[in-house]
Protein backbone atom coordinates (compact mmCIF):
# COMPACT_ATOMS: atom_id res chain seq x y z
CA MET A 1 19.34 -0.28 1.18
CA ALA A 2 17.84 -3.35 3.66
CA ASN A 3 18.24 -1.19 6.50
CA ASN A 4 16.47 1.74 4.92
CA LEU A 5 13.88 -0.35 3.79
CA LYS A 6 13.04 -1.71 7.32
CA LYS A 7 13.49 1.56 9.07
CA THR A 8 11.27 3.47 6.48
CA HIS A 9 8.66 0.75 6.93
CA MET A 10 8.67 0.85 10.49
CA SER A 11 8.64 4.55 10.82
CA ALA A 12 5.58 4.86 8.34
CA SER A 13 3.59 2.65 10.72
CA GLN A 14 4.90 4.65 13.80
CA THR A 15 5.39 1.06 15.59
CA SER A 16 7.11 -2.13 15.45
CA PRO A 17 4.86 -5.17 14.85
CA ALA A 18 4.37 -6.95 18.19
CA GLY A 19 5.90 -10.25 18.58
CA GLY A 20 7.03 -10.56 15.15
CA GLY A 21 8.58 -9.46 12.00
CA VAL A 22 11.89 -10.38 9.74
CA ASP A 23 14.99 -8.76 10.27
CA THR A 24 15.51 -7.37 6.87
CA GLN A 25 19.34 -6.39 7.81
CA SER A 26 20.40 -9.46 7.71
CA LEU A 27 19.20 -9.71 3.86
CA GLU A 28 22.90 -8.27 2.97
CA THR A 29 24.89 -11.49 4.33
CA GLY A 30 22.03 -13.80 2.56
CA VAL A 31 20.51 -14.94 5.93
CA VAL A 32 17.39 -13.63 7.46
CA THR A 33 16.25 -14.16 11.13
CA GLN A 34 12.77 -14.95 11.73
CA VAL A 35 11.33 -13.74 15.11
CA ILE A 36 8.17 -15.30 16.26
CA GLY A 37 6.88 -14.38 19.92
CA GLY A 38 10.23 -12.31 20.72
CA GLU A 39 12.56 -15.23 20.23
CA SER A 40 14.60 -15.78 17.25
CA THR A 41 14.18 -19.30 15.56
CA GLY A 42 17.75 -19.05 14.20
CA PRO A 43 19.29 -18.25 10.78
CA VAL A 44 17.03 -18.99 7.86
CA ARG A 45 18.30 -19.15 3.88
CA GLU A 46 16.48 -16.49 1.79
CA GLU A 47 15.63 -19.03 -0.66
CA ASP A 48 13.98 -20.83 2.62
CA LEU A 49 12.17 -17.78 3.18
CA ARG A 50 10.93 -17.50 -0.09
CA ASN A 51 9.74 -20.77 -0.62
CA ARG A 52 8.33 -21.22 2.87
CA PHE A 53 6.07 -17.88 2.55
CA LEU A 54 5.91 -16.31 -1.07
CA SER A 55 3.22 -17.40 -3.99
CA PHE A 56 2.55 -15.97 -6.72
CA GLU A 57 -1.16 -15.85 -7.70
CA PRO A 58 -1.53 -16.03 -11.98
CA ILE A 59 -3.51 -13.36 -14.04
CA PHE A 60 -4.67 -14.65 -17.14
CA ASP A 61 -5.73 -13.07 -20.38
CA HIS A 62 -9.17 -13.74 -22.63
CA GLN A 63 -7.31 -17.04 -24.04
CA GLY A 64 -6.07 -18.29 -20.62
CA HIS A 65 -2.37 -17.54 -21.04
CA VAL A 66 -0.71 -16.15 -18.00
CA VAL A 67 0.17 -12.56 -18.33
CA ALA A 68 1.04 -11.00 -15.18
CA ARG A 69 1.31 -12.46 -11.18
CA GLU A 70 0.78 -11.21 -8.09
CA LEU A 71 3.22 -11.62 -4.85
CA VAL A 72 1.10 -12.66 -1.92
CA LEU A 73 1.77 -14.55 1.39
CA ARG A 74 1.31 -18.43 0.93
CA GLY A 75 -1.73 -19.49 2.44
CA GLN A 76 -2.46 -15.91 3.98
CA LYS A 77 -5.66 -14.33 3.94
CA THR A 78 -5.59 -10.50 3.74
CA GLU A 79 -8.98 -9.24 4.74
CA SER A 80 -10.15 -8.37 8.10
CA LEU A 81 -6.83 -9.04 10.15
CA PRO A 82 -5.73 -6.96 13.16
CA SER A 83 -3.91 -3.92 12.13
CA GLU A 84 -0.38 -5.63 14.01
CA LEU A 85 -0.65 -8.87 12.21
CA ALA A 86 -1.86 -7.05 8.95
CA HIS A 87 1.54 -4.86 9.34
CA MET A 88 3.65 -7.88 10.25
CA ASN A 89 2.30 -9.84 6.96
CA GLU A 90 3.20 -6.65 4.86
CA ASP A 91 6.56 -6.57 6.23
CA MET A 92 6.92 -10.23 5.36
CA LEU A 93 5.98 -9.40 1.88
CA LEU A 94 7.98 -6.65 1.83
CA THR A 95 11.21 -8.27 2.83
CA GLY A 96 10.80 -11.29 0.34
CA LEU A 97 10.21 -8.73 -2.69
CA TYR A 98 13.54 -7.07 -1.62
CA SER A 99 15.06 -10.46 -1.69
CA LEU A 100 13.32 -11.13 -4.89
CA THR A 101 14.97 -7.52 -6.59
CA GLN A 102 18.23 -8.56 -4.99
CA ASP A 103 18.78 -11.93 -6.88
CA GLY A 104 16.88 -10.79 -10.08
CA LEU A 105 13.83 -12.96 -9.55
CA THR A 106 10.88 -10.74 -10.23
CA GLY A 107 10.78 -11.82 -14.18
CA GLU A 108 9.55 -9.91 -17.01
CA GLN A 109 5.87 -9.82 -16.68
CA PRO A 110 3.97 -7.61 -14.34
CA LEU A 111 4.37 -8.28 -10.62
CA PHE A 112 1.63 -6.98 -8.24
CA VAL A 113 2.30 -6.08 -4.78
CA GLN A 114 -0.45 -4.96 -2.24
CA VAL A 115 0.78 -2.07 0.14
CA SER A 116 -0.97 -0.06 2.78
CA ARG A 117 -1.30 3.58 3.02
CA GLU A 118 1.51 3.83 5.05
CA VAL A 119 4.20 2.00 2.84
CA VAL A 120 2.57 4.62 0.25
CA PHE A 121 3.78 7.67 1.94
CA SER A 122 7.48 6.23 2.88
CA ASP A 123 9.98 5.97 0.51
CA VAL A 124 9.95 2.38 0.46
CA LEU A 125 7.99 2.06 -3.31
CA GLU A 126 10.78 3.95 -4.59
CA GLN A 127 13.73 1.96 -2.71
CA LEU A 128 12.05 -1.20 -4.45
CA ALA A 129 11.29 0.20 -7.60
CA GLN A 130 11.66 -2.02 -10.79
CA PRO A 131 10.06 -1.57 -13.99
CA ASN A 132 7.64 -4.52 -13.80
CA LEU A 133 6.47 -3.90 -10.28
CA VAL A 134 2.88 -2.65 -9.83
CA TRP A 135 1.60 -1.39 -6.65
CA ILE A 136 -1.87 -2.68 -5.63
CA LEU A 137 -3.74 0.25 -3.46
CA LYS A 138 -6.99 -1.11 -1.94
CA ARG A 139 -9.74 1.28 -1.62
CA PRO A 140 -7.49 4.08 -1.06
CA ASP A 141 -8.82 7.80 0.23
CA ALA A 142 -8.10 10.69 -1.28
CA GLU A 143 -4.82 11.73 0.20
CA THR A 144 -3.38 8.30 -0.99
CA CYS A 145 -4.86 8.29 -4.55
CA GLN A 146 -2.62 11.93 -4.47
CA ARG A 147 0.27 10.47 -3.15
CA ALA A 148 0.26 7.78 -6.02
CA ARG A 149 -0.53 10.16 -8.43
CA GLU A 150 2.34 12.18 -7.76
CA LEU A 151 4.60 9.23 -7.31
CA ALA A 152 3.68 7.91 -10.86
CA HIS A 153 4.32 11.11 -12.48
CA SER A 154 7.93 12.03 -10.40
CA SER A 155 9.20 8.22 -10.42
CA GLY A 156 7.33 6.11 -12.83
CA LEU A 157 5.73 3.93 -10.75
CA LYS A 158 2.73 2.16 -11.52
CA PHE A 159 -0.26 1.68 -9.30
CA CYS A 160 -3.35 -0.80 -9.42
CA LEU A 161 -6.39 0.59 -7.76
CA ASP A 162 -8.09 -2.82 -6.01
CA THR A 163 -11.77 -1.94 -5.55
CA ASP A 164 -15.47 -2.98 -5.93
CA THR A 165 -16.25 -1.23 -8.88
CA PRO A 166 -14.02 0.76 -11.04
CA ASP A 167 -13.01 4.40 -10.97
CA ASN A 168 -14.14 6.02 -14.56
CA ARG A 169 -13.11 9.40 -13.49
CA GLU A 170 -10.08 11.14 -14.94
CA VAL A 171 -7.41 9.33 -12.54
CA ASP A 172 -4.11 7.91 -13.52
CA TRP A 173 -4.65 4.27 -12.65
CA ALA A 174 -2.27 2.19 -15.30
CA PHE A 175 -4.43 -0.82 -13.73
CA GLN A 176 -7.85 -1.57 -12.28
CA ARG A 177 -8.53 -4.49 -10.49
CA PHE A 178 -12.45 -5.25 -9.58
CA ILE A 179 -15.21 -7.71 -8.84
CA GLN A 180 -16.66 -9.25 -11.65
CA SER A 181 -20.75 -7.46 -12.44
CA ALA A 182 -22.68 -7.72 -15.31
CA HIS A 183 -23.64 -3.67 -14.45
CA VAL A 184 -19.84 -2.84 -14.42
CA VAL A 185 -18.11 -0.91 -17.44
CA ALA A 186 -14.19 -1.30 -18.11
CA PRO A 187 -12.41 1.49 -17.21
CA ALA A 188 -11.45 4.10 -19.83
CA GLY A 189 -7.47 4.53 -19.86
CA SER A 190 -6.44 1.61 -17.34
CA GLN A 191 -5.85 -1.99 -17.99
CA PRO A 192 -9.16 -3.87 -16.44
CA ILE A 193 -8.37 -6.88 -14.01
CA VAL A 194 -11.80 -8.58 -13.34
CA ARG A 195 -12.02 -10.96 -10.29
CA ASN A 196 -14.02 -13.83 -9.62
CA ILE A 197 -14.42 -15.33 -12.82
CA HIS A 198 -16.21 -18.78 -12.54
CA ARG A 199 -17.85 -19.34 -16.17
CA GLU A 200 -16.86 -18.95 -19.85
CA SER A 201 -19.95 -16.85 -20.11
CA GLN A 202 -18.29 -14.33 -17.62
CA LEU A 203 -15.52 -13.47 -20.06
CA THR A 204 -17.64 -12.37 -22.93
CA PRO A 205 -18.54 -8.54 -22.15
CA TRP A 206 -15.15 -7.84 -21.54
CA GLY A 207 -13.29 -8.45 -24.86
CA ASP A 208 -10.14 -9.57 -25.58
CA GLY A 209 -8.18 -6.74 -23.69
CA ALA A 210 -9.31 -7.40 -20.23
CA TRP A 211 -7.48 -9.45 -17.51
CA PHE A 212 -8.64 -12.13 -15.48
CA MET A 213 -8.45 -13.92 -12.30
CA GLY A 214 -10.71 -16.61 -10.62
CA GLU A 215 -11.53 -20.33 -10.80
CA PHE A 216 -12.45 -20.61 -14.01
CA PHE A 217 -8.77 -20.67 -15.02
CA THR A 218 -7.33 -22.29 -11.74
CA GLY A 219 -10.03 -24.34 -10.27
CA PRO A 220 -10.72 -24.31 -6.70
CA ARG A 221 -7.85 -24.11 -3.92
CA LEU A 222 -6.84 -27.53 -2.93
CA ASP A 223 -7.51 -28.61 0.78
CA ASP A 224 -4.67 -28.60 3.17
CA SER A 225 -5.89 -31.91 4.13
CA THR A 226 -5.02 -33.23 1.01
CA GLY A 227 -1.38 -33.03 1.48
CA PRO A 228 0.56 -29.83 2.83
CA ASP A 229 2.72 -29.97 -0.50
CA ASN A 230 -0.10 -30.58 -3.13
CA GLY A 231 -0.71 -26.82 -3.63
CA LEU A 232 3.09 -26.51 -4.51
CA ARG A 233 3.09 -29.53 -6.70
CA LEU A 234 0.16 -28.60 -8.58
CA GLU A 235 1.78 -24.99 -8.87
CA LEU A 236 4.80 -26.45 -10.52
CA VAL A 237 2.99 -28.34 -13.05
CA THR A 238 0.80 -25.14 -13.85
CA VAL A 239 3.86 -23.31 -14.67
CA ALA A 240 5.25 -25.97 -16.62
CA MET A 241 2.17 -26.18 -18.62
CA ARG A 242 1.21 -22.65 -19.08
CA GLN A 243 3.85 -20.51 -18.75
CA PRO A 244 7.35 -20.03 -21.10
CA LEU A 245 10.66 -22.00 -19.74
CA SER A 246 12.07 -18.96 -18.40
CA SER A 247 9.37 -18.91 -15.92
CA LEU A 248 9.74 -22.56 -14.96
CA VAL A 249 13.43 -22.18 -14.42
CA GLN A 250 12.08 -19.10 -11.95
CA PHE A 251 9.82 -21.10 -10.33
CA VAL A 252 12.36 -23.64 -9.57
CA ARG A 253 14.78 -21.35 -8.47
CA LEU A 254 12.30 -19.81 -5.97
CA ASN A 255 11.33 -23.65 -4.60
CA PRO A 256 15.03 -25.25 -4.26
CA GLY A 257 13.76 -27.89 -2.45
CA LEU A 258 12.56 -29.02 -5.57
CA GLU A 259 15.88 -29.08 -7.50
CA SER A 260 17.66 -32.53 -6.09
CA GLN A 261 14.47 -34.58 -7.01
CA MET A 262 14.54 -32.73 -10.42
CA LEU A 263 17.86 -33.34 -11.15
CA ARG A 264 17.64 -36.96 -10.71
CA ILE A 265 14.78 -37.21 -13.01
CA ALA A 266 16.47 -35.43 -15.58
CA GLY A 267 19.41 -37.48 -15.51
CA SER A 268 17.39 -40.50 -15.73
CA ILE A 269 16.49 -42.47 -19.14
CA ALA A 270 13.16 -40.65 -18.85
CA GLY A 271 14.65 -37.00 -18.72
CA GLY A 272 17.55 -38.01 -21.21
CA LEU A 273 20.08 -35.48 -19.99
CA SER A 274 23.34 -35.79 -22.19
CA ARG A 275 25.57 -34.30 -19.64
CA SER A 276 25.73 -32.98 -15.85
CA ALA A 277 23.84 -29.81 -15.57
CA ASP A 278 25.00 -27.35 -12.53
CA SER A 279 21.63 -26.72 -11.41
CA SER A 280 17.92 -27.46 -11.99
CA GLY A 281 17.66 -24.34 -14.26
CA HIS A 282 20.75 -25.48 -16.59
CA ALA A 283 19.14 -28.70 -16.76
CA LEU A 284 15.88 -27.03 -17.67
CA ILE A 285 17.64 -24.88 -20.71
CA MET A 286 19.75 -27.95 -21.92
CA LEU A 287 16.30 -30.42 -22.09
CA GLY A 288 14.20 -27.78 -23.93
CA ARG A 289 10.35 -26.87 -23.15
CA GLN A 290 8.77 -30.06 -23.93
CA ARG A 291 11.10 -32.56 -22.14
CA SER A 292 11.20 -29.91 -19.23
CA GLN A 293 7.68 -30.43 -18.97
CA ARG A 294 7.74 -34.04 -18.82
CA ILE A 295 10.34 -33.89 -15.99
CA THR A 296 8.53 -31.48 -14.41
CA ILE A 297 5.36 -33.24 -14.18
CA LEU A 298 7.10 -36.05 -12.99
CA THR A 299 8.88 -34.26 -10.18
CA ALA A 300 5.50 -33.02 -9.06
CA LEU A 301 3.76 -36.31 -9.04
CA SER A 302 7.14 -38.08 -7.10
CA GLY A 303 7.03 -35.15 -4.34
CA THR A 304 9.89 -34.52 -2.39
CA PRO A 305 10.94 -36.59 -0.71
CA ALA A 306 8.99 -39.27 -2.70
CA THR A 307 6.50 -41.30 -0.80
CA ALA A 308 5.73 -45.03 -1.79
CA ASP A 309 2.68 -43.95 -3.24
CA ASN A 310 4.00 -40.96 -5.05
CA ARG A 311 6.78 -43.05 -6.47
CA LEU A 312 4.19 -45.27 -7.78
CA PHE A 313 1.99 -42.55 -9.27
CA ALA A 314 5.27 -41.21 -11.15
CA LYS A 315 6.33 -44.88 -12.30
CA ILE A 316 3.06 -45.34 -13.74
CA ALA A 317 2.53 -42.21 -15.43
CA LEU A 318 5.61 -42.30 -17.31
CA SER A 319 5.24 -45.81 -18.38
CA ARG A 320 1.72 -45.24 -19.62
CA ALA A 321 2.84 -41.90 -21.59
CA LEU A 322 5.96 -43.95 -23.20
CA LEU A 323 3.72 -47.26 -24.07
CA MET A 324 0.78 -45.01 -25.43
CA GLY A 325 2.87 -42.52 -27.41
CA LYS A 326 4.67 -45.15 -29.07
CA LEU A 327 1.78 -47.19 -30.07
CA ALA A 328 0.03 -43.80 -31.15
CA TYR A 329 3.12 -43.01 -33.41
CA GLY A 330 3.38 -46.54 -34.86
CA GLY A 331 -0.28 -46.95 -35.55
CA LYS A 332 -3.33 -45.63 -36.91
CA LEU A 333 -3.39 -42.75 -34.12
CA SER A 334 0.13 -41.09 -35.47
CA GLU A 335 -1.37 -37.54 -35.71
CA TRP A 336 -2.45 -37.91 -31.67
CA SER A 337 0.84 -39.28 -30.93
CA HIS A 338 1.71 -35.92 -28.71
CA HIS A 339 -1.77 -36.08 -26.90
CA ALA A 340 -1.46 -39.76 -26.38
CA PHE A 341 1.91 -39.42 -24.38
CA GLU A 342 0.42 -36.50 -22.59
CA ILE A 343 -2.50 -38.20 -21.47
CA GLY A 344 -0.31 -41.07 -20.07
CA LEU A 345 1.58 -38.52 -18.19
CA LEU A 346 -1.30 -36.86 -16.52
CA SER A 347 -3.02 -39.83 -16.02
CA THR A 348 -2.17 -40.29 -12.40
CA LEU A 349 -2.08 -36.66 -11.55
CA PRO A 350 -5.72 -36.33 -10.47
CA VAL A 351 -5.54 -39.03 -7.84
CA ALA A 352 -2.12 -38.02 -6.80
CA LEU A 353 -3.06 -34.66 -6.02
CA SER A 354 -6.73 -35.34 -5.12
CA ILE A 355 -8.29 -32.97 -8.02
CA SER A 356 -10.94 -33.59 -10.16
CA VAL A 357 -10.19 -34.07 -14.03
CA ASN A 358 -12.34 -31.02 -14.59
CA ASN A 359 -10.32 -28.77 -12.38
CA LEU A 360 -7.22 -29.79 -13.94
CA HIS A 361 -8.41 -29.17 -17.47
CA ARG A 362 -9.29 -25.64 -16.34
CA ARG A 363 -6.00 -25.15 -14.20
CA LEU A 364 -3.67 -26.39 -16.85
CA GLY A 365 -5.27 -25.39 -20.01
CA LEU A 366 -5.46 -29.03 -21.53
CA SER A 367 -6.86 -29.43 -24.99
CA THR A 368 -10.42 -30.89 -25.20
CA GLN A 369 -9.04 -34.07 -26.67
CA VAL A 370 -6.69 -34.85 -23.45
CA ALA A 371 -9.36 -33.52 -20.80
CA LYS A 372 -11.97 -35.86 -22.30
CA THR A 373 -9.98 -38.98 -22.58
CA LEU A 374 -8.60 -38.48 -18.86
CA ALA A 375 -12.15 -38.04 -17.88
CA GLY A 376 -13.43 -41.11 -19.53
CA HIS A 377 -15.19 -39.65 -22.63
CA ASP A 378 -15.44 -41.47 -25.75
CA THR A 379 -12.62 -40.31 -27.81
CA PRO A 380 -10.17 -41.58 -30.38
CA LEU A 381 -7.39 -42.09 -27.43
CA ARG A 382 -9.64 -43.81 -25.06
CA PRO A 383 -8.99 -47.01 -26.18
CA LEU A 384 -5.34 -46.54 -26.12
CA LEU A 385 -5.79 -45.62 -22.35
CA GLN A 386 -7.55 -48.60 -21.75
CA LEU A 387 -4.92 -50.61 -23.30
CA ALA A 388 -2.40 -49.02 -20.77
CA HIS A 389 -4.73 -50.07 -18.17
CA ALA A 390 -4.96 -53.94 -19.25
CA CYS A 391 -1.29 -54.00 -19.70
CA GLU A 392 -0.66 -53.24 -16.25
CA ARG A 393 -3.27 -55.72 -15.01
CA ASN A 394 -2.00 -58.05 -17.35
CA ASP A 395 -5.45 -58.72 -18.60
CA THR A 396 -4.69 -60.38 -21.90
CA GLU A 397 -8.15 -60.82 -23.43
CA ARG A 398 -8.94 -57.29 -22.73
CA MET A 399 -5.39 -56.74 -24.54
CA THR A 400 -6.30 -58.72 -27.33
CA ASN A 401 -9.87 -56.74 -28.10
CA LEU A 402 -8.19 -53.52 -27.67
CA ALA A 403 -4.93 -54.32 -30.03
CA ARG A 404 -7.56 -55.57 -32.62
CA GLU A 405 -9.58 -52.26 -32.31
CA LEU A 406 -6.62 -50.31 -32.64
CA ASP A 407 -5.10 -52.21 -35.47
CA LEU A 408 -1.87 -53.10 -33.22
CA SER A 409 -0.08 -56.32 -32.92
CA LEU A 410 0.42 -58.05 -29.61
CA GLU A 411 3.93 -58.23 -30.56
CA SER A 412 4.24 -54.44 -31.05
CA ILE A 413 2.58 -53.68 -27.38
CA SER A 414 4.71 -56.33 -25.61
CA ALA A 415 8.03 -54.60 -27.02
CA ALA A 416 6.59 -51.01 -26.20
CA GLN A 417 5.49 -52.28 -22.82
CA MET A 418 9.05 -53.50 -22.02
CA GLU A 419 11.02 -50.62 -23.18
CA ALA A 420 8.36 -48.06 -21.30
CA LEU A 421 8.58 -50.54 -18.03
CA VAL A 422 12.70 -50.02 -18.38
CA THR A 423 12.67 -46.48 -18.28
CA ALA A 424 10.16 -46.12 -15.83
CA GLU A 425 12.28 -48.42 -13.40
CA ASP A 426 15.35 -46.60 -14.21
CA MET A 427 13.71 -43.33 -12.89
CA ASP A 428 12.15 -44.89 -9.90
CA SER A 429 15.39 -46.01 -9.06
CA ARG A 430 16.93 -42.32 -8.64
CA LEU A 431 14.19 -40.88 -6.88
CA ILE A 432 14.84 -39.84 -3.16
């Protein structure tokens, strides 16, 4: 099938991409060869290829839950590309998609993939057919629309019209994606996906049934200058916080470079893994959703490999989380103990990933209590976070005043701090 997929795609465009492409024939042995400028760079494992080039753009419902994803090339712009480069990018994307389908990693939610007119008129889409795949057609001409209609009727394929304004004619589009506009009416008979959502007020006209994309949910893109892996680390936390455990397992499988660090943290006191795991996915399943979120955030903070700064970010975050969670649970803030732990765990993330608390709030869908406390607003949990800072500075006077305000004894604070530090030190000793 890999051979047929490649040949069909090439014949559809009438020419092979100049100076590039991916040899999909090698996929049958689990190894691909990347070719750049006509010279092979040697064999590359499929999982390395996926980790390096593929990314999943989230699509949200009205409540901010991830309901679908779009498969894209990581960091690549699709607008105004020369035809040869656009073809090479598409070839890379379809190669990655083929690899995902072979390994059963396309997930259960709808997965959107943009394809060209040439691919629509080939047999590639039928070869790659999966129940959850949706093929995006950007401003298709009449012939392409007719071809899509025929494939939808004969093979059950699903298509998404990507356009500036929706098509309200009698056309069989399962999905329509278009740019946010006050003058646009949702298309009848199609699932609308509205792009460029920046403010909450832009959600209102579309009702509860529409899907959305935009910075209101994800925050702005991280600048590459903040760190080469910051985007991946933030994406990891986002999946852990906003998607089900099965999606987190899948994400880690798609990024095998995370596995070693995650297993080390899972095996520490912080992770609490009771027995050894065969893989990070196995570890996540054994830990369950709540503890999996904990080790995932710590993995994102520590990075792979962990730098001195990142180790410190992870260590401080864990010690704060344990201290705040325990003191809240044993004091007058017991109803907020879960939020207290989360605040501590996320408290170093804005600095570690160079992202504002406001953008982190939108990206992760944080509760108002957590977001406001992290932003420094006056909340019931703010004194507890201030206490954690005072403990780190060994500011006895500040600790005494805050202990009185929170109705906590200095002995209980000292005991909780010591326990938190032991656990954080144990995790730190395992990081690589």
